[in-house]
PDB file of all heavy atoms in Angstrom:
ATOM      1  N   LYS A   1      51.926 126.278  56.141  1.00  0.00           N
ATOM      2  CA  LYS A   1      51.654 125.365  54.948  1.00  0.00           C
ATOM      3  C   LYS A   1      50.872 124.268  55.425  1.00  0.00           C
ATOM      4  O   LYS A   1      51.185 123.640  56.458  1.00  0.00           O
ATOM      5  CB  LYS A   1      52.954 125.020  54.262  1.00  0.00           C
ATOM      6  CG  LYS A   1      52.740 124.522  52.834  1.00  0.00           C
ATOM      7  CD  LYS A   1      54.103 124.453  52.224  1.00  0.00           C
ATOM      8  CE  LYS A   1      53.916 124.150  50.712  1.00  0.00           C
ATOM      9  NZ  LYS A   1      55.125 124.221  49.890  1.00  0.00           N
ATOM     10  N   SER A   2      49.758 123.972  54.844  1.00  0.00           N
ATOM     11  CA  SER A   2      48.828 122.947  55.131  1.00  0.00           C
ATOM     12  C   SER A   2      49.589 121.549  55.480  1.00  0.00           C
ATOM     13  O   SER A   2      50.444 121.204  54.713  1.00  0.00           O
ATOM     14  CB  SER A   2      47.805 122.699  54.086  1.00  0.00           C
ATOM     15  OG  SER A   2      46.961 121.590  54.356  1.00  0.00           O
ATOM     16  N   SER A   3      49.263 121.056  56.572  1.00  0.00           N
ATOM     17  CA  SER A   3      49.692 119.674  57.018  1.00  0.00           C
ATOM     18  C   SER A   3      51.187 119.631  57.407  1.00  0.00           C
ATOM     19  O   SER A   3      51.618 118.534  57.820  1.00  0.00           O
ATOM     20  CB  SER A   3      49.472 118.658  55.945  1.00  0.00           C
ATOM     21  OG  SER A   3      47.978 118.497  55.568  1.00  0.00           O
ATOM     22  N   GLU A   4      51.885 120.715  57.400  1.00  0.00           N
ATOM     23  CA  GLU A   4      53.284 120.613  57.857  1.00  0.00           C
ATOM     24  C   GLU A   4      53.317 120.785  59.386  1.00  0.00           C
ATOM     25  O   GLU A   4      52.552 121.660  59.897  1.00  0.00           O
ATOM     26  CB  GLU A   4      54.090 121.790  57.185  1.00  0.00           C
ATOM     27  CG  GLU A   4      54.494 121.429  55.787  1.00  0.00           C
ATOM     28  CD  GLU A   4      55.543 122.434  55.249  1.00  0.00           C
ATOM     29  OE1 GLU A   4      55.902 123.313  55.887  1.00  0.00           O
ATOM     30  OE2 GLU A   4      56.003 122.160  54.029  1.00  0.00           O
ATOM     31  N   THR A   5      54.212 120.124  59.983  1.00  0.00           N
ATOM     32  CA  THR A   5      54.272 120.307  61.435  1.00  0.00           C
ATOM     33  C   THR A   5      54.659 121.593  61.938  1.00  0.00           C
ATOM     34  O   THR A   5      55.662 122.260  61.392  1.00  0.00           O
ATOM     35  CB  THR A   5      55.347 119.208  62.025  1.00  0.00           C
ATOM     36  OG1 THR A   5      54.979 117.952  61.723  1.00  0.00           O
ATOM     37  CG2 THR A   5      55.568 119.323  63.486  1.00  0.00           C
ATOM     38  N   ILE A   6      53.938 122.189  62.843  1.00  0.00           N
ATOM     39  CA  ILE A   6      54.240 123.493  63.403  1.00  0.00           C
ATOM     40  C   ILE A   6      55.208 123.338  64.610  1.00  0.00           C
ATOM     41  O   ILE A   6      56.233 124.136  64.757  1.00  0.00           O
ATOM     42  CB  ILE A   6      52.871 124.177  63.841  1.00  0.00           C
ATOM     43  CG1 ILE A   6      52.040 124.537  62.638  1.00  0.00           C
ATOM     44  CG2 ILE A   6      53.169 125.511  64.647  1.00  0.00           C
ATOM     45  CD1 ILE A   6      50.725 125.047  62.967  1.00  0.00           C
ATOM     46  N   ASP A   7      54.913 122.523  65.573  1.00  0.00           N
ATOM     47  CA  ASP A   7      55.658 122.356  66.778  1.00  0.00           C
ATOM     48  C   ASP A   7      55.269 120.952  67.414  1.00  0.00           C
ATOM     49  O   ASP A   7      54.451 120.252  66.919  1.00  0.00           O
ATOM     50  CB  ASP A   7      55.430 123.448  67.683  1.00  0.00           C
ATOM     51  CG  ASP A   7      56.590 123.873  68.648  1.00  0.00           C
ATOM     52  OD1 ASP A   7      57.264 122.930  68.982  1.00  0.00           O
ATOM     53  OD2 ASP A   7      56.800 124.975  68.939  1.00  0.00           O
ATOM     54  N   LYS A   8      55.759 120.885  68.672  1.00  0.00           N
ATOM     55  CA  LYS A   8      55.359 119.669  69.550  1.00  0.00           C
ATOM     56  C   LYS A   8      54.722 120.142  70.790  1.00  0.00           C
ATOM     57  O   LYS A   8      55.047 121.230  71.288  1.00  0.00           O
ATOM     58  CB  LYS A   8      56.692 118.826  69.813  1.00  0.00           C
ATOM     59  CG  LYS A   8      57.345 118.150  68.636  1.00  0.00           C
ATOM     60  CD  LYS A   8      58.628 117.409  69.103  1.00  0.00           C
ATOM     61  CE  LYS A   8      59.338 116.863  67.922  1.00  0.00           C
ATOM     62  NZ  LYS A   8      58.672 115.829  67.232  1.00  0.00           N
ATOM     63  N   VAL A   9      53.858 119.381  71.264  1.00  0.00           N
ATOM     64  CA  VAL A   9      53.288 119.729  72.607  1.00  0.00           C
ATOM     65  C   VAL A   9      53.425 118.554  73.498  1.00  0.00           C
ATOM     66  O   VAL A   9      53.502 117.362  73.108  1.00  0.00           O
ATOM     67  CB  VAL A   9      51.803 120.112  72.446  1.00  0.00           C
ATOM     68  CG1 VAL A   9      51.643 121.377  71.673  1.00  0.00           C
ATOM     69  CG2 VAL A   9      50.904 118.886  72.010  1.00  0.00           C
ATOM     70  N   ASP A  10      53.445 118.744  74.854  1.00  0.00           N
ATOM     71  CA  ASP A  10      53.732 117.685  75.838  1.00  0.00           C
ATOM     72  C   ASP A  10      52.434 116.869  75.861  1.00  0.00           C
ATOM     73  O   ASP A  10      51.409 117.312  75.917  1.00  0.00           O
ATOM     74  CB  ASP A  10      54.043 118.304  77.154  1.00  0.00           C
ATOM     75  CG  ASP A  10      55.392 118.988  77.122  1.00  0.00           C
ATOM     76  OD1 ASP A  10      56.270 118.636  76.330  1.00  0.00           O
ATOM     77  OD2 ASP A  10      55.599 120.023  77.931  1.00  0.00           O
ATOM     78  N   VAL A  11      52.731 115.589  76.200  1.00  0.00           N
ATOM     79  CA  VAL A  11      51.664 114.609  76.447  1.00  0.00           C
ATOM     80  C   VAL A  11      51.797 113.961  77.748  1.00  0.00           C
ATOM     81  O   VAL A  11      52.957 113.753  78.328  1.00  0.00           O
ATOM     82  CB  VAL A  11      51.808 113.497  75.400  1.00  0.00           C
ATOM     83  CG1 VAL A  11      50.711 112.371  75.576  1.00  0.00           C
ATOM     84  CG2 VAL A  11      51.582 114.062  73.968  1.00  0.00           C
ATOM     85  N   TRP A  12      50.608 113.793  78.497  1.00  0.00           N
ATOM     86  CA  TRP A  12      50.571 113.191  79.814  1.00  0.00           C
ATOM     87  C   TRP A  12      50.103 111.767  79.693  1.00  0.00           C
ATOM     88  O   TRP A  12      49.046 111.496  79.097  1.00  0.00           O
ATOM     89  CB  TRP A  12      49.738 114.022  80.728  1.00  0.00           C
ATOM     90  CG  TRP A  12      49.240 113.418  82.044  1.00  0.00           C
ATOM     91  CD1 TRP A  12      48.115 112.990  82.432  1.00  0.00           C
ATOM     92  CD2 TRP A  12      50.251 113.196  83.129  1.00  0.00           C
ATOM     93  NE1 TRP A  12      48.140 112.510  83.720  1.00  0.00           N
ATOM     94  CE2 TRP A  12      49.506 112.679  84.188  1.00  0.00           C
ATOM     95  CE3 TRP A  12      51.572 113.494  83.369  1.00  0.00           C
ATOM     96  CZ2 TRP A  12      50.027 112.329  85.426  1.00  0.00           C
ATOM     97  CZ3 TRP A  12      52.162 113.023  84.538  1.00  0.00           C
ATOM     98  CH2 TRP A  12      51.313 112.528  85.512  1.00  0.00           C
ATOM     99  N   LEU A  13      50.837 110.899  80.347  1.00  0.00           N
ATOM    100  CA  LEU A  13      50.403 109.471  80.419  1.00  0.00           C
ATOM    101  C   LEU A  13      50.306 108.747  79.072  1.00  0.00           C
ATOM    102  O   LEU A  13      49.430 107.909  78.862  1.00  0.00           O
ATOM    103  CB  LEU A  13      49.094 109.338  81.177  1.00  0.00           C
ATOM    104  CG  LEU A  13      49.127 109.752  82.660  1.00  0.00           C
ATOM    105  CD1 LEU A  13      47.705 109.495  83.232  1.00  0.00           C
ATOM    106  CD2 LEU A  13      50.112 108.999  83.363  1.00  0.00           C
ATOM    107  N   GLY A  14      51.202 109.225  78.040  1.00  0.00           N
ATOM    108  CA  GLY A  14      51.138 108.697  76.774  1.00  0.00           C
ATOM    109  C   GLY A  14      52.321 107.807  76.529  1.00  0.00           C
ATOM    110  O   GLY A  14      53.447 107.975  77.162  1.00  0.00           O
ATOM    111  N   LYS A  15      52.415 106.938  75.578  1.00  0.00           N
ATOM    112  CA  LYS A  15      53.529 106.124  75.202  1.00  0.00           C
ATOM    113  C   LYS A  15      54.649 106.986  74.573  1.00  0.00           C
ATOM    114  O   LYS A  15      55.765 106.528  74.479  1.00  0.00           O
ATOM    115  CB  LYS A  15      53.088 104.968  74.239  1.00  0.00           C
ATOM    116  CG  LYS A  15      52.388 103.911  74.960  1.00  0.00           C
ATOM    117  CD  LYS A  15      52.002 102.752  74.137  1.00  0.00           C
ATOM    118  CE  LYS A  15      51.325 101.572  74.894  1.00  0.00           C
ATOM    119  NZ  LYS A  15      51.140 100.388  74.041  1.00  0.00           N
ATOM    120  N   GLU A  16      54.210 108.219  74.156  1.00  0.00           N
ATOM    121  CA  GLU A  16      55.226 109.165  73.797  1.00  0.00           C
ATOM    122  C   GLU A  16      55.019 110.420  74.576  1.00  0.00           C
ATOM    123  O   GLU A  16      53.853 110.765  74.925  1.00  0.00           O
ATOM    124  CB  GLU A  16      55.156 109.453  72.220  1.00  0.00           C
ATOM    125  CG  GLU A  16      55.297 108.230  71.378  1.00  0.00           C
ATOM    126  CD  GLU A  16      55.233 108.629  69.914  1.00  0.00           C
ATOM    127  OE1 GLU A  16      55.876 109.618  69.515  1.00  0.00           O
ATOM    128  OE2 GLU A  16      54.555 107.861  69.131  1.00  0.00           O
ATOM    129  N   ASN A  17      56.127 111.111  74.915  1.00  0.00           N
ATOM    130  CA  ASN A  17      55.977 112.291  75.735  1.00  0.00           C
ATOM    131  C   ASN A  17      55.545 113.615  75.144  1.00  0.00           C
ATOM    132  O   ASN A  17      55.230 114.564  75.678  1.00  0.00           O
ATOM    133  CB  ASN A  17      57.348 112.498  76.443  1.00  0.00           C
ATOM    134  CG  ASN A  17      57.707 111.476  77.450  1.00  0.00           C
ATOM    135  OD1 ASN A  17      56.836 110.879  78.143  1.00  0.00           O
ATOM    136  ND2 ASN A  17      58.947 111.139  77.588  1.00  0.00           N
ATOM    137  N   GLN A  18      55.618 113.563  73.687  1.00  0.00           N
ATOM    138  CA  GLN A  18      55.178 114.708  72.946  1.00  0.00           C
ATOM    139  C   GLN A  18      54.500 114.215  71.690  1.00  0.00           C
ATOM    140  O   GLN A  18      54.666 113.011  71.235  1.00  0.00           O
ATOM    141  CB  GLN A  18      56.396 115.535  72.476  1.00  0.00           C
ATOM    142  CG  GLN A  18      57.057 116.245  73.647  1.00  0.00           C
ATOM    143  CD  GLN A  18      58.269 117.182  73.259  1.00  0.00           C
ATOM    144  OE1 GLN A  18      59.082 116.777  72.434  1.00  0.00           O
ATOM    145  NE2 GLN A  18      58.286 118.377  73.755  1.00  0.00           N
ATOM    146  N   VAL A  19      53.731 115.171  71.020  1.00  0.00           N
ATOM    147  CA  VAL A  19      53.133 114.820  69.839  1.00  0.00           C
ATOM    148  C   VAL A  19      53.217 116.082  68.923  1.00  0.00           C
ATOM    149  O   VAL A  19      53.079 117.307  69.436  1.00  0.00           O
ATOM    150  CB  VAL A  19      51.558 114.421  70.002  1.00  0.00           C
ATOM    151  CG1 VAL A  19      50.845 115.690  70.569  1.00  0.00           C
ATOM    152  CG2 VAL A  19      50.939 114.010  68.729  1.00  0.00           C
ATOM    153  N   ASP A  20      53.478 115.818  67.612  1.00  0.00           N
ATOM    154  CA  ASP A  20      53.526 116.907  66.641  1.00  0.00           C
ATOM    155  C   ASP A  20      52.139 117.498  66.459  1.00  0.00           C
ATOM    156  O   ASP A  20      51.118 116.693  66.424  1.00  0.00           O
ATOM    157  CB  ASP A  20      54.025 116.382  65.325  1.00  0.00           C
ATOM    158  CG  ASP A  20      55.590 116.090  65.314  1.00  0.00           C
ATOM    159  OD1 ASP A  20      56.246 116.454  66.324  1.00  0.00           O
ATOM    160  OD2 ASP A  20      56.040 115.290  64.527  1.00  0.00           O
ATOM    161  N   VAL A  21      52.096 118.775  66.210  1.00  0.00           N
ATOM    162  CA  VAL A  21      50.748 119.462  65.901  1.00  0.00           C
ATOM    163  C   VAL A  21      50.894 120.238  64.549  1.00  0.00           C
ATOM    164  O   VAL A  21      51.993 120.635  64.160  1.00  0.00           O
ATOM    165  CB  VAL A  21      50.419 120.330  67.120  1.00  0.00           C
ATOM    166  CG1 VAL A  21      50.072 119.518  68.260  1.00  0.00           C
ATOM    167  CG2 VAL A  21      51.476 121.369  67.332  1.00  0.00           C
ATOM    168  N   TYR A  22      49.674 120.405  63.947  1.00  0.00           N
ATOM    169  CA  TYR A  22      49.664 121.136  62.649  1.00  0.00           C
ATOM    170  C   TYR A  22      48.219 121.764  62.474  1.00  0.00           C
ATOM    171  O   TYR A  22      47.363 121.504  63.220  1.00  0.00           O
ATOM    172  CB  TYR A  22      49.938 120.175  61.493  1.00  0.00           C
ATOM    173  CG  TYR A  22      48.889 119.255  61.202  1.00  0.00           C
ATOM    174  CD1 TYR A  22      48.056 119.526  60.096  1.00  0.00           C
ATOM    175  CD2 TYR A  22      48.656 118.073  61.941  1.00  0.00           C
ATOM    176  CE1 TYR A  22      46.985 118.607  59.746  1.00  0.00           C
ATOM    177  CE2 TYR A  22      47.616 117.204  61.637  1.00  0.00           C
ATOM    178  CZ  TYR A  22      46.722 117.475  60.528  1.00  0.00           C
ATOM    179  OH  TYR A  22      45.745 116.603  60.158  1.00  0.00           O
ATOM    180  N   VAL A  23      48.264 122.596  61.503  1.00  0.00           N
ATOM    181  CA  VAL A  23      47.062 123.255  61.059  1.00  0.00           C
ATOM    182  C   VAL A  23      46.726 122.786  59.653  1.00  0.00           C
ATOM    183  O   VAL A  23      47.636 122.932  58.748  1.00  0.00           O
ATOM    184  CB  VAL A  23      46.970 124.713  61.214  1.00  0.00           C
ATOM    185  CG1 VAL A  23      45.791 125.418  60.572  1.00  0.00           C
ATOM    186  CG2 VAL A  23      47.153 125.194  62.670  1.00  0.00           C
ATOM    187  N   ASN A  24      45.524 122.353  59.426  1.00  0.00           N
ATOM    188  CA  ASN A  24      45.252 121.609  58.055  1.00  0.00           C
ATOM    189  C   ASN A  24      44.768 122.746  57.073  1.00  0.00           C
ATOM    190  O   ASN A  24      43.763 122.568  56.294  1.00  0.00           O
ATOM    191  CB  ASN A  24      44.174 120.599  58.202  1.00  0.00           C
ATOM    192  CG  ASN A  24      44.122 119.673  57.010  1.00  0.00           C
ATOM    193  OD1 ASN A  24      45.126 119.651  56.277  1.00  0.00           O
ATOM    194  ND2 ASN A  24      42.983 119.153  56.786  1.00  0.00           N
ATOM    195  N   GLU A  25      45.489 123.842  56.936  1.00  0.00           N
ATOM    196  CA  GLU A  25      45.210 124.780  55.877  1.00  0.00           C
ATOM    197  C   GLU A  25      46.351 125.715  55.616  1.00  0.00           C
ATOM    198  O   GLU A  25      47.138 126.036  56.558  1.00  0.00           O
ATOM    199  CB  GLU A  25      43.889 125.529  56.157  1.00  0.00           C
ATOM    200  CG  GLU A  25      43.923 126.416  57.340  1.00  0.00           C
ATOM    201  CD  GLU A  25      42.591 127.143  57.577  1.00  0.00           C
ATOM    202  OE1 GLU A  25      42.332 128.101  56.780  1.00  0.00           O
ATOM    203  OE2 GLU A  25      41.788 126.702  58.434  1.00  0.00           O
ATOM    204  N   ASP A  26      46.502 126.304  54.447  1.00  0.00           N
ATOM    205  CA  ASP A  26      47.517 127.271  54.175  1.00  0.00           C
ATOM    206  C   ASP A  26      47.040 128.584  54.773  1.00  0.00           C
ATOM    207  O   ASP A  26      45.915 128.940  54.700  1.00  0.00           O
ATOM    208  CB  ASP A  26      47.710 127.572  52.706  1.00  0.00           C
ATOM    209  CG  ASP A  26      48.252 126.219  51.972  1.00  0.00           C
ATOM    210  OD1 ASP A  26      48.970 125.394  52.640  1.00  0.00           O
ATOM    211  OD2 ASP A  26      47.874 125.997  50.805  1.00  0.00           O
ATOM    212  N   ILE A  27      47.945 129.336  55.515  1.00  0.00           N
ATOM    213  CA  ILE A  27      47.602 130.538  56.106  1.00  0.00           C
ATOM    214  C   ILE A  27      48.543 131.665  55.596  1.00  0.00           C
ATOM    215  O   ILE A  27      49.770 131.510  55.629  1.00  0.00           O
ATOM    216  CB  ILE A  27      47.702 130.489  57.513  1.00  0.00           C
ATOM    217  CG1 ILE A  27      46.759 129.426  58.162  1.00  0.00           C
ATOM    218  CG2 ILE A  27      47.343 131.869  58.209  1.00  0.00           C
ATOM    219  CD1 ILE A  27      46.876 129.158  59.671  1.00  0.00           C
TER     220      ILE A  27
END
């Protein structure tokens, strides 16, 4: 569903260790 969070991925050298990811369209 467009703009809904799919999962988290790891971040390197960021102020947060993970970031939410999404796809901007209904599939």
